[in-house]
């Protein structure tokens, strides 16, 4: 069957599977600020996420309900509307960047990193989430305590340099 006049990549999935994939990738991108995936998926994800961010910039209840169709995780939707949307309020488009990172070892697929441009809020939230497990590891003792202490010392030194 030919693929004439069909926009978008098929990604070897049915339309329902493709929509679910893009929704999950979008949620991960919003929560973490950057994700690594195949180049084809990243290129398909870009317009999907940029439309969501444009909705988040509007900030109305109607736009939140429309975005909630695709961003079904409440925490990600809150991040989208409270941090990501206001951060891009003055920007008219181009909220994401795709960087090639090489080939995947297993099958040689071209990998890419898609990230939100110039956004500190999701990364800061991600660092807080990462530091919480580090603190619990510090309580257990052992080598993880030394690693957590060295991380805190390095971050303190870097903060002093700036």
N, C-alpha and C. Protein backbone atom coordinates (compact mmCIF):
# COMPACT_ATOMS: atom_id res chain seq x y z
N UNK A 1 0.84 -1.18 0.00
CA UNK A 1 0.00 0.00 0.00
C UNK A 1 0.89 1.25 0.00
N UNK A 2 0.58 2.17 -0.85
CA UNK A 2 1.41 3.36 -0.97
C UNK A 2 1.12 4.36 0.14
N UNK A 3 2.06 5.24 0.34
CA UNK A 3 1.96 6.22 1.41
C UNK A 3 1.87 7.63 0.82
N UNK A 4 1.19 7.75 -0.33
CA UNK A 4 1.10 9.04 -1.00
C UNK A 4 0.16 9.98 -0.24
N UNK A 5 0.56 11.24 -0.18
CA UNK A 5 -0.24 12.32 0.42
C UNK A 5 -0.61 12.04 1.88
N UNK A 6 0.25 11.35 2.59
CA UNK A 6 0.04 11.09 4.01
C UNK A 6 1.12 11.85 4.77
N UNK A 7 0.71 12.76 5.61
CA UNK A 7 1.69 13.56 6.35
C UNK A 7 2.16 12.79 7.58
N UNK A 8 3.39 13.02 7.98
CA UNK A 8 3.91 12.42 9.20
C UNK A 8 4.51 11.05 8.97
N UNK A 9 5.28 10.62 9.94
CA UNK A 9 5.93 9.32 9.88
C UNK A 9 5.02 8.27 10.50
N UNK A 10 5.08 7.08 9.93
CA UNK A 10 4.24 6.00 10.42
C UNK A 10 4.83 5.35 11.66
N UNK A 11 6.15 5.32 11.77
CA UNK A 11 6.86 4.73 12.90
C UNK A 11 6.49 3.27 13.16
N UNK A 12 6.04 2.59 12.11
CA UNK A 12 5.64 1.17 12.18
C UNK A 12 4.62 0.90 13.29
N UNK A 13 3.66 1.82 13.42
CA UNK A 13 2.63 1.68 14.45
C UNK A 13 1.28 2.04 13.86
N UNK A 14 0.22 1.57 14.51
CA UNK A 14 -1.11 2.00 14.13
C UNK A 14 -1.29 3.44 14.61
N UNK A 15 -2.32 4.10 14.15
CA UNK A 15 -2.52 5.50 14.51
C UNK A 15 -2.74 5.66 16.02
N UNK A 16 -3.42 4.70 16.65
CA UNK A 16 -3.65 4.78 18.09
C UNK A 16 -2.34 4.60 18.87
N UNK A 17 -1.52 3.65 18.41
CA UNK A 17 -0.23 3.43 19.06
C UNK A 17 0.69 4.64 18.88
N UNK A 18 0.64 5.25 17.71
CA UNK A 18 1.47 6.42 17.42
C UNK A 18 1.06 7.59 18.29
N UNK A 19 -0.24 7.80 18.46
CA UNK A 19 -0.74 8.88 19.32
C UNK A 19 -0.32 8.64 20.76
N UNK A 20 -0.44 7.40 21.23
CA UNK A 20 -0.05 7.08 22.60
C UNK A 20 1.45 7.30 22.80
N UNK A 21 2.26 6.91 21.81
CA UNK A 21 3.70 7.11 21.88
C UNK A 21 4.04 8.60 21.99
N UNK A 22 3.44 9.42 21.14
CA UNK A 22 3.72 10.86 21.15
C UNK A 22 3.27 11.50 22.46
N UNK A 23 2.14 11.06 23.00
CA UNK A 23 1.67 11.59 24.28
C UNK A 23 2.66 11.27 25.40
N UNK A 24 3.13 10.02 25.43
CA UNK A 24 4.07 9.62 26.48
C UNK A 24 5.41 10.33 26.34
N UNK A 25 5.89 10.48 25.09
CA UNK A 25 7.14 11.20 24.88
C UNK A 25 6.99 12.67 25.28
N UNK A 26 5.84 13.26 24.97
CA UNK A 26 5.60 14.66 25.32
C UNK A 26 5.59 14.85 26.84
N UNK A 27 4.97 13.93 27.55
CA UNK A 27 4.93 14.00 29.02
C UNK A 27 6.34 13.91 29.58
N UNK A 28 7.13 12.99 29.05
CA UNK A 28 8.51 12.85 29.51
C UNK A 28 9.32 14.10 29.22
N UNK A 29 9.14 14.69 28.05
CA UNK A 29 9.87 15.90 27.69
C UNK A 29 9.48 17.06 28.60
N UNK A 30 8.21 17.19 28.91
CA UNK A 30 7.75 18.28 29.78
C UNK A 30 8.29 18.09 31.19
N UNK A 31 8.26 16.86 31.69
CA UNK A 31 8.72 16.60 33.06
C UNK A 31 10.22 16.75 33.21
N UNK A 32 11.00 16.31 32.21
CA UNK A 32 12.45 16.27 32.35
C UNK A 32 13.19 17.39 31.63
N UNK A 33 12.53 18.06 30.70
CA UNK A 33 13.17 19.14 29.97
C UNK A 33 13.94 18.67 28.75
N UNK A 34 14.37 17.42 28.72
CA UNK A 34 15.09 16.86 27.58
C UNK A 34 15.00 15.34 27.65
N UNK A 35 14.88 14.70 26.49
CA UNK A 35 14.87 13.25 26.44
C UNK A 35 15.71 12.80 25.25
N UNK A 36 16.13 11.55 25.28
CA UNK A 36 16.89 10.97 24.18
C UNK A 36 16.06 9.86 23.57
N UNK A 37 15.85 9.93 22.26
CA UNK A 37 15.03 8.97 21.55
C UNK A 37 15.57 8.86 20.13
N UNK A 38 14.90 8.09 19.27
CA UNK A 38 15.37 8.00 17.89
C UNK A 38 15.09 9.32 17.18
N UNK A 39 15.84 9.57 16.13
CA UNK A 39 15.71 10.83 15.40
C UNK A 39 14.32 10.98 14.79
N UNK A 40 13.77 9.91 14.25
CA UNK A 40 12.44 9.98 13.63
C UNK A 40 11.37 10.33 14.67
N UNK A 41 11.45 9.71 15.84
CA UNK A 41 10.49 10.02 16.91
C UNK A 41 10.64 11.45 17.38
N UNK A 42 11.88 11.93 17.48
CA UNK A 42 12.12 13.31 17.92
C UNK A 42 11.53 14.29 16.92
N UNK A 43 11.69 14.01 15.63
CA UNK A 43 11.16 14.91 14.60
C UNK A 43 9.64 14.90 14.57
N UNK A 44 9.03 13.79 14.92
CA UNK A 44 7.57 13.74 15.01
C UNK A 44 7.07 14.40 16.29
N UNK A 45 7.86 14.32 17.34
CA UNK A 45 7.47 14.88 18.63
C UNK A 45 7.50 16.40 18.63
N UNK A 46 8.43 16.99 17.86
CA UNK A 46 8.60 18.45 17.89
C UNK A 46 7.31 19.22 17.63
N UNK A 47 6.60 19.03 16.51
CA UNK A 47 5.37 19.81 16.32
C UNK A 47 4.29 19.49 17.34
N UNK A 48 4.25 18.24 17.79
CA UNK A 48 3.26 17.83 18.79
C UNK A 48 3.44 18.62 20.08
N UNK A 49 4.69 18.73 20.56
CA UNK A 49 4.97 19.43 21.81
C UNK A 49 4.84 20.94 21.63
N UNK A 50 5.25 21.45 20.48
CA UNK A 50 5.18 22.90 20.28
C UNK A 50 3.74 23.39 20.26
N UNK A 51 2.83 22.58 19.75
CA UNK A 51 1.41 22.95 19.80
C UNK A 51 0.90 22.97 21.24
N UNK A 52 1.36 22.01 22.05
CA UNK A 52 0.99 21.99 23.47
C UNK A 52 1.52 23.23 24.20
N UNK A 53 2.74 23.62 23.91
CA UNK A 53 3.33 24.79 24.57
C UNK A 53 2.59 26.06 24.16
N UNK A 54 2.19 26.14 22.90
CA UNK A 54 1.40 27.29 22.45
C UNK A 54 0.08 27.36 23.20
N UNK A 55 -0.54 26.23 23.43
CA UNK A 55 -1.77 26.18 24.24
C UNK A 55 -1.48 26.64 25.66
N UNK A 56 -0.35 26.20 26.20
CA UNK A 56 0.01 26.55 27.57
C UNK A 56 0.27 28.05 27.71
N UNK A 57 0.75 28.69 26.66
CA UNK A 57 0.97 30.13 26.69
C UNK A 57 -0.34 30.90 26.83
N UNK A 58 -1.40 30.38 26.22
CA UNK A 58 -2.71 31.02 26.34
C UNK A 58 -3.18 30.97 27.80
N UNK A 59 -3.04 29.81 28.42
CA UNK A 59 -3.34 29.67 29.84
C UNK A 59 -4.82 29.68 30.22
N UNK A 60 -5.72 29.60 29.25
CA UNK A 60 -7.14 29.60 29.57
C UNK A 60 -7.60 28.21 29.99
N UNK A 61 -8.77 28.15 30.58
CA UNK A 61 -9.33 26.86 30.98
C UNK A 61 -9.58 25.98 29.76
N UNK A 62 -10.06 26.60 28.68
CA UNK A 62 -10.32 25.86 27.46
C UNK A 62 -9.04 25.24 26.91
N UNK A 63 -7.96 26.01 26.88
CA UNK A 63 -6.69 25.48 26.36
C UNK A 63 -6.14 24.40 27.28
N UNK A 64 -6.38 24.54 28.59
CA UNK A 64 -5.93 23.50 29.53
C UNK A 64 -6.68 22.20 29.31
N UNK A 65 -7.96 22.29 29.03
CA UNK A 65 -8.76 21.08 28.77
C UNK A 65 -8.34 20.41 27.46
N UNK A 66 -8.04 21.21 26.46
CA UNK A 66 -7.58 20.64 25.19
C UNK A 66 -6.22 19.97 25.38
N UNK A 67 -5.32 20.61 26.12
CA UNK A 67 -4.00 20.03 26.37
C UNK A 67 -4.11 18.77 27.23
N UNK A 68 -5.12 18.72 28.10
CA UNK A 68 -5.29 17.57 28.99
C UNK A 68 -5.65 16.30 28.21
N UNK A 69 -6.12 16.45 26.97
CA UNK A 69 -6.37 15.27 26.14
C UNK A 69 -5.06 14.53 25.88
N UNK A 70 -3.98 15.30 25.68
CA UNK A 70 -2.70 14.69 25.35
C UNK A 70 -1.79 14.52 26.56
N UNK A 71 -1.84 15.46 27.49
CA UNK A 71 -1.00 15.39 28.69
C UNK A 71 -1.91 14.92 29.83
N UNK A 72 -2.01 13.60 29.97
CA UNK A 72 -2.96 13.03 30.92
C UNK A 72 -2.38 12.84 32.32
N UNK A 73 -1.12 13.22 32.53
CA UNK A 73 -0.51 13.17 33.86
C UNK A 73 -0.64 14.55 34.48
N UNK A 74 -1.28 14.64 35.62
CA UNK A 74 -1.59 15.94 36.22
C UNK A 74 -0.33 16.75 36.52
N UNK A 75 0.71 16.10 37.04
CA UNK A 75 1.95 16.79 37.38
C UNK A 75 2.58 17.42 36.14
N UNK A 76 2.56 16.70 35.03
CA UNK A 76 3.12 17.21 33.78
C UNK A 76 2.28 18.37 33.24
N UNK A 77 0.97 18.26 33.36
CA UNK A 77 0.09 19.34 32.90
C UNK A 77 0.31 20.60 33.73
N UNK A 78 0.48 20.45 35.03
CA UNK A 78 0.76 21.60 35.89
C UNK A 78 2.09 22.23 35.53
N UNK A 79 3.10 21.41 35.28
CA UNK A 79 4.41 21.93 34.87
C UNK A 79 4.29 22.67 33.55
N UNK A 80 3.53 22.11 32.63
CA UNK A 80 3.34 22.73 31.32
C UNK A 80 2.72 24.12 31.45
N UNK A 81 1.69 24.24 32.27
CA UNK A 81 0.97 25.51 32.36
C UNK A 81 1.57 26.50 33.35
N UNK A 82 2.28 26.02 34.37
CA UNK A 82 2.84 26.95 35.36
C UNK A 82 4.28 27.34 35.08
N UNK A 83 5.06 26.48 34.42
CA UNK A 83 6.48 26.77 34.20
C UNK A 83 6.82 26.93 32.72
N UNK A 84 6.45 25.96 31.91
CA UNK A 84 6.86 25.95 30.51
C UNK A 84 6.17 27.06 29.72
N UNK A 85 4.86 27.17 29.84
CA UNK A 85 4.11 28.19 29.10
C UNK A 85 4.59 29.60 29.41
N UNK A 86 4.63 30.01 30.69
CA UNK A 86 5.11 31.36 31.01
C UNK A 86 6.57 31.60 30.60
N UNK A 87 7.41 30.56 30.61
CA UNK A 87 8.81 30.74 30.23
C UNK A 87 8.95 31.11 28.75
N UNK A 88 8.01 30.65 27.93
CA UNK A 88 8.05 30.95 26.50
C UNK A 88 7.04 32.01 26.10
N UNK A 89 6.57 32.82 27.03
CA UNK A 89 5.52 33.80 26.76
C UNK A 89 5.90 34.79 25.67
N UNK A 90 7.17 35.19 25.62
CA UNK A 90 7.59 36.19 24.64
C UNK A 90 8.09 35.56 23.34
N UNK A 91 8.24 34.26 23.31
CA UNK A 91 8.77 33.57 22.12
C UNK A 91 7.62 33.16 21.21
N UNK A 92 7.79 33.34 19.91
CA UNK A 92 6.70 33.06 18.98
C UNK A 92 6.73 31.66 18.40
N UNK A 93 7.70 30.86 18.74
CA UNK A 93 7.80 29.50 18.23
C UNK A 93 9.21 28.99 18.42
N UNK A 94 9.45 27.78 17.98
CA UNK A 94 10.78 27.20 18.10
C UNK A 94 11.16 26.95 19.54
N UNK A 95 10.31 26.22 20.25
CA UNK A 95 10.53 25.98 21.68
C UNK A 95 11.46 24.80 21.94
N UNK A 96 11.71 23.99 20.91
CA UNK A 96 12.50 22.78 21.11
C UNK A 96 13.73 22.78 20.21
N UNK A 97 14.70 21.96 20.58
CA UNK A 97 15.93 21.80 19.81
C UNK A 97 16.20 20.30 19.70
N UNK A 98 16.59 19.85 18.51
CA UNK A 98 16.94 18.45 18.29
C UNK A 98 18.42 18.36 17.98
N UNK A 99 19.13 17.57 18.78
CA UNK A 99 20.57 17.37 18.60
C UNK A 99 20.83 15.89 18.31
N UNK A 100 21.59 15.61 17.28
CA UNK A 100 21.95 14.22 17.00
C UNK A 100 23.03 13.78 17.98
N UNK A 101 22.90 12.55 18.48
CA UNK A 101 23.87 12.06 19.46
C UNK A 101 24.58 10.79 19.01
N UNK A 102 24.37 10.37 17.78
CA UNK A 102 25.06 9.19 17.29
C UNK A 102 24.12 8.02 17.06
N UNK A 103 24.72 6.84 16.98
CA UNK A 103 23.94 5.63 16.70
C UNK A 103 23.78 4.78 17.94
N UNK A 104 22.62 4.12 18.04
CA UNK A 104 22.37 3.22 19.16
C UNK A 104 23.20 1.95 18.95
N UNK A 105 23.76 1.46 20.03
CA UNK A 105 24.67 0.32 19.95
C UNK A 105 23.96 -0.95 19.46
N UNK A 106 22.76 -1.20 19.92
CA UNK A 106 22.08 -2.45 19.61
C UNK A 106 21.71 -2.62 18.15
N UNK A 107 21.04 -1.63 17.57
CA UNK A 107 20.55 -1.78 16.20
C UNK A 107 21.06 -0.71 15.24
N UNK A 108 21.87 0.21 15.73
CA UNK A 108 22.44 1.23 14.86
C UNK A 108 21.49 2.35 14.50
N UNK A 109 20.38 2.46 15.22
CA UNK A 109 19.42 3.52 14.93
C UNK A 109 20.01 4.88 15.27
N UNK A 110 19.70 5.86 14.44
CA UNK A 110 20.18 7.23 14.68
C UNK A 110 19.44 7.80 15.88
N UNK A 111 20.19 8.19 16.90
CA UNK A 111 19.60 8.71 18.13
C UNK A 111 19.69 10.23 18.15
N UNK A 112 18.75 10.85 18.84
CA UNK A 112 18.72 12.30 18.95
C UNK A 112 18.24 12.69 20.34
N UNK A 113 18.65 13.88 20.75
CA UNK A 113 18.22 14.45 22.03
C UNK A 113 17.33 15.63 21.70
N UNK A 114 16.10 15.60 22.20
CA UNK A 114 15.19 16.72 22.00
C UNK A 114 15.04 17.41 23.35
N UNK A 115 15.18 18.73 23.35
CA UNK A 115 15.15 19.48 24.60
C UNK A 115 14.40 20.79 24.43
N UNK A 116 13.87 21.28 25.53
CA UNK A 116 13.22 22.58 25.54
C UNK A 116 14.31 23.64 25.64
N UNK A 117 14.23 24.65 24.79
CA UNK A 117 15.29 25.66 24.70
C UNK A 117 15.20 26.64 25.86
N UNK A 118 16.34 26.86 26.52
CA UNK A 118 16.46 27.91 27.53
C UNK A 118 15.45 27.85 28.64
N UNK A 119 15.16 26.66 29.13
CA UNK A 119 14.17 26.51 30.18
C UNK A 119 14.83 25.94 31.42
N UNK A 120 14.80 26.68 32.52
CA UNK A 120 15.43 26.21 33.75
C UNK A 120 14.47 25.53 34.69
N UNK A 121 13.17 25.79 34.60
CA UNK A 121 12.21 25.29 35.59
C UNK A 121 12.10 23.77 35.61
N UNK A 122 11.86 23.05 34.46
CA UNK A 122 11.76 21.60 34.55
C UNK A 122 13.06 20.95 34.99
N UNK A 123 14.21 21.50 34.56
CA UNK A 123 15.49 20.93 34.97
C UNK A 123 15.68 21.09 36.47
N UNK A 124 15.30 22.26 37.02
CA UNK A 124 15.43 22.47 38.46
C UNK A 124 14.53 21.50 39.21
N UNK A 125 13.31 21.30 38.71
CA UNK A 125 12.41 20.35 39.34
C UNK A 125 12.97 18.95 39.26
N UNK A 126 13.59 18.61 38.12
CA UNK A 126 14.20 17.29 37.95
C UNK A 126 15.35 17.08 38.90
N UNK A 127 16.16 18.15 39.13
CA UNK A 127 17.27 18.01 40.05
C UNK A 127 16.78 17.77 41.47
N UNK A 128 15.68 18.41 41.83
CA UNK A 128 15.12 18.20 43.16
C UNK A 128 14.66 16.77 43.34
N UNK A 129 14.08 16.20 42.27
CA UNK A 129 13.63 14.81 42.33
C UNK A 129 14.83 13.87 42.43
N UNK A 130 15.91 14.20 41.71
CA UNK A 130 17.09 13.34 41.74
C UNK A 130 17.80 13.44 43.08
N UNK A 131 17.76 14.62 43.71
CA UNK A 131 18.47 14.76 44.96
C UNK A 131 17.75 14.04 46.10
N UNK A 132 16.43 13.87 45.97
CA UNK A 132 15.70 13.18 47.02
C UNK A 132 16.15 11.72 47.17
N UNK A 133 16.28 10.95 46.06
CA UNK A 133 16.81 9.60 46.21
C UNK A 133 18.24 9.60 46.74
N UNK A 134 19.04 10.59 46.37
CA UNK A 134 20.40 10.70 46.87
C UNK A 134 20.43 10.87 48.37
N UNK A 135 19.47 11.65 48.90
CA UNK A 135 19.40 11.85 50.34
C UNK A 135 19.03 10.56 51.05
N UNK A 136 18.09 9.80 50.45
CA UNK A 136 17.71 8.54 51.08
C UNK A 136 18.88 7.55 51.04
N UNK A 137 19.67 7.60 49.96
CA UNK A 137 20.84 6.73 49.87
C UNK A 137 21.88 7.14 50.91
N UNK A 138 21.94 8.44 51.19
CA UNK A 138 22.91 8.93 52.18
C UNK A 138 22.55 8.41 53.57
N UNK A 139 21.28 8.23 53.83
CA UNK A 139 20.84 7.73 55.14
C UNK A 139 21.23 6.27 55.33
N UNK A 140 21.29 5.51 54.22
CA UNK A 140 21.59 4.09 54.33
C UNK A 140 23.06 3.84 54.62
N UNK A 141 23.93 4.80 54.29
CA UNK A 141 25.35 4.65 54.57
C UNK A 141 26.08 4.02 53.41
N UNK A 142 27.39 3.77 53.60
CA UNK A 142 28.18 3.12 52.56
C UNK A 142 28.74 4.11 51.56
N UNK A 143 29.06 3.59 50.36
CA UNK A 143 29.68 4.40 49.33
C UNK A 143 28.74 5.48 48.82
N UNK A 144 27.42 5.21 48.82
CA UNK A 144 26.48 6.21 48.32
C UNK A 144 26.54 7.47 49.17
N UNK A 145 26.87 7.35 50.44
CA UNK A 145 27.00 8.51 51.31
C UNK A 145 28.16 9.38 50.86
N UNK A 146 29.27 8.74 50.50
CA UNK A 146 30.42 9.49 50.02
C UNK A 146 30.12 10.17 48.70
N UNK A 147 29.40 9.48 47.82
CA UNK A 147 29.03 10.07 46.53
C UNK A 147 28.12 11.27 46.73
N UNK A 148 27.13 11.13 47.60
CA UNK A 148 26.20 12.23 47.85
C UNK A 148 26.92 13.43 48.45
N UNK A 149 27.86 13.16 49.37
CA UNK A 149 28.62 14.25 49.99
C UNK A 149 29.50 14.95 48.97
N UNK A 150 30.12 14.18 48.07
CA UNK A 150 30.98 14.81 47.06
C UNK A 150 30.15 15.62 46.07
N UNK A 151 28.94 15.16 45.74
CA UNK A 151 28.06 15.92 44.86
C UNK A 151 27.67 17.24 45.50
N UNK A 152 27.32 17.19 46.79
CA UNK A 152 26.94 18.43 47.49
C UNK A 152 28.12 19.38 47.55
N UNK A 153 29.32 18.85 47.77
CA UNK A 153 30.51 19.70 47.85
C UNK A 153 30.80 20.35 46.50
N UNK A 154 30.67 19.57 45.41
CA UNK A 154 30.91 20.13 44.08
C UNK A 154 29.89 21.19 43.73
N UNK A 155 28.62 20.94 44.04
CA UNK A 155 27.59 21.92 43.71
C UNK A 155 27.79 23.19 44.53
N UNK A 156 28.28 23.08 45.75
CA UNK A 156 28.57 24.25 46.58
C UNK A 156 29.72 25.05 46.02
N UNK A 157 30.74 24.36 45.51
CA UNK A 157 31.90 25.04 44.92
C UNK A 157 31.51 25.74 43.64
N UNK A 158 30.67 25.07 42.82
CA UNK A 158 30.25 25.69 41.57
C UNK A 158 29.41 26.93 41.84
N UNK A 159 28.56 26.87 42.86
CA UNK A 159 27.74 28.02 43.20
C UNK A 159 28.61 29.19 43.66
N UNK A 160 29.73 28.90 44.33
CA UNK A 160 30.62 29.96 44.81
C UNK A 160 31.36 30.62 43.65
N UNK A 161 31.69 29.83 42.59
CA UNK A 161 32.39 30.38 41.43
C UNK A 161 31.55 31.37 40.68
N UNK A 162 30.27 31.09 40.57
CA UNK A 162 29.36 31.97 39.82
C UNK A 162 29.13 33.20 40.65
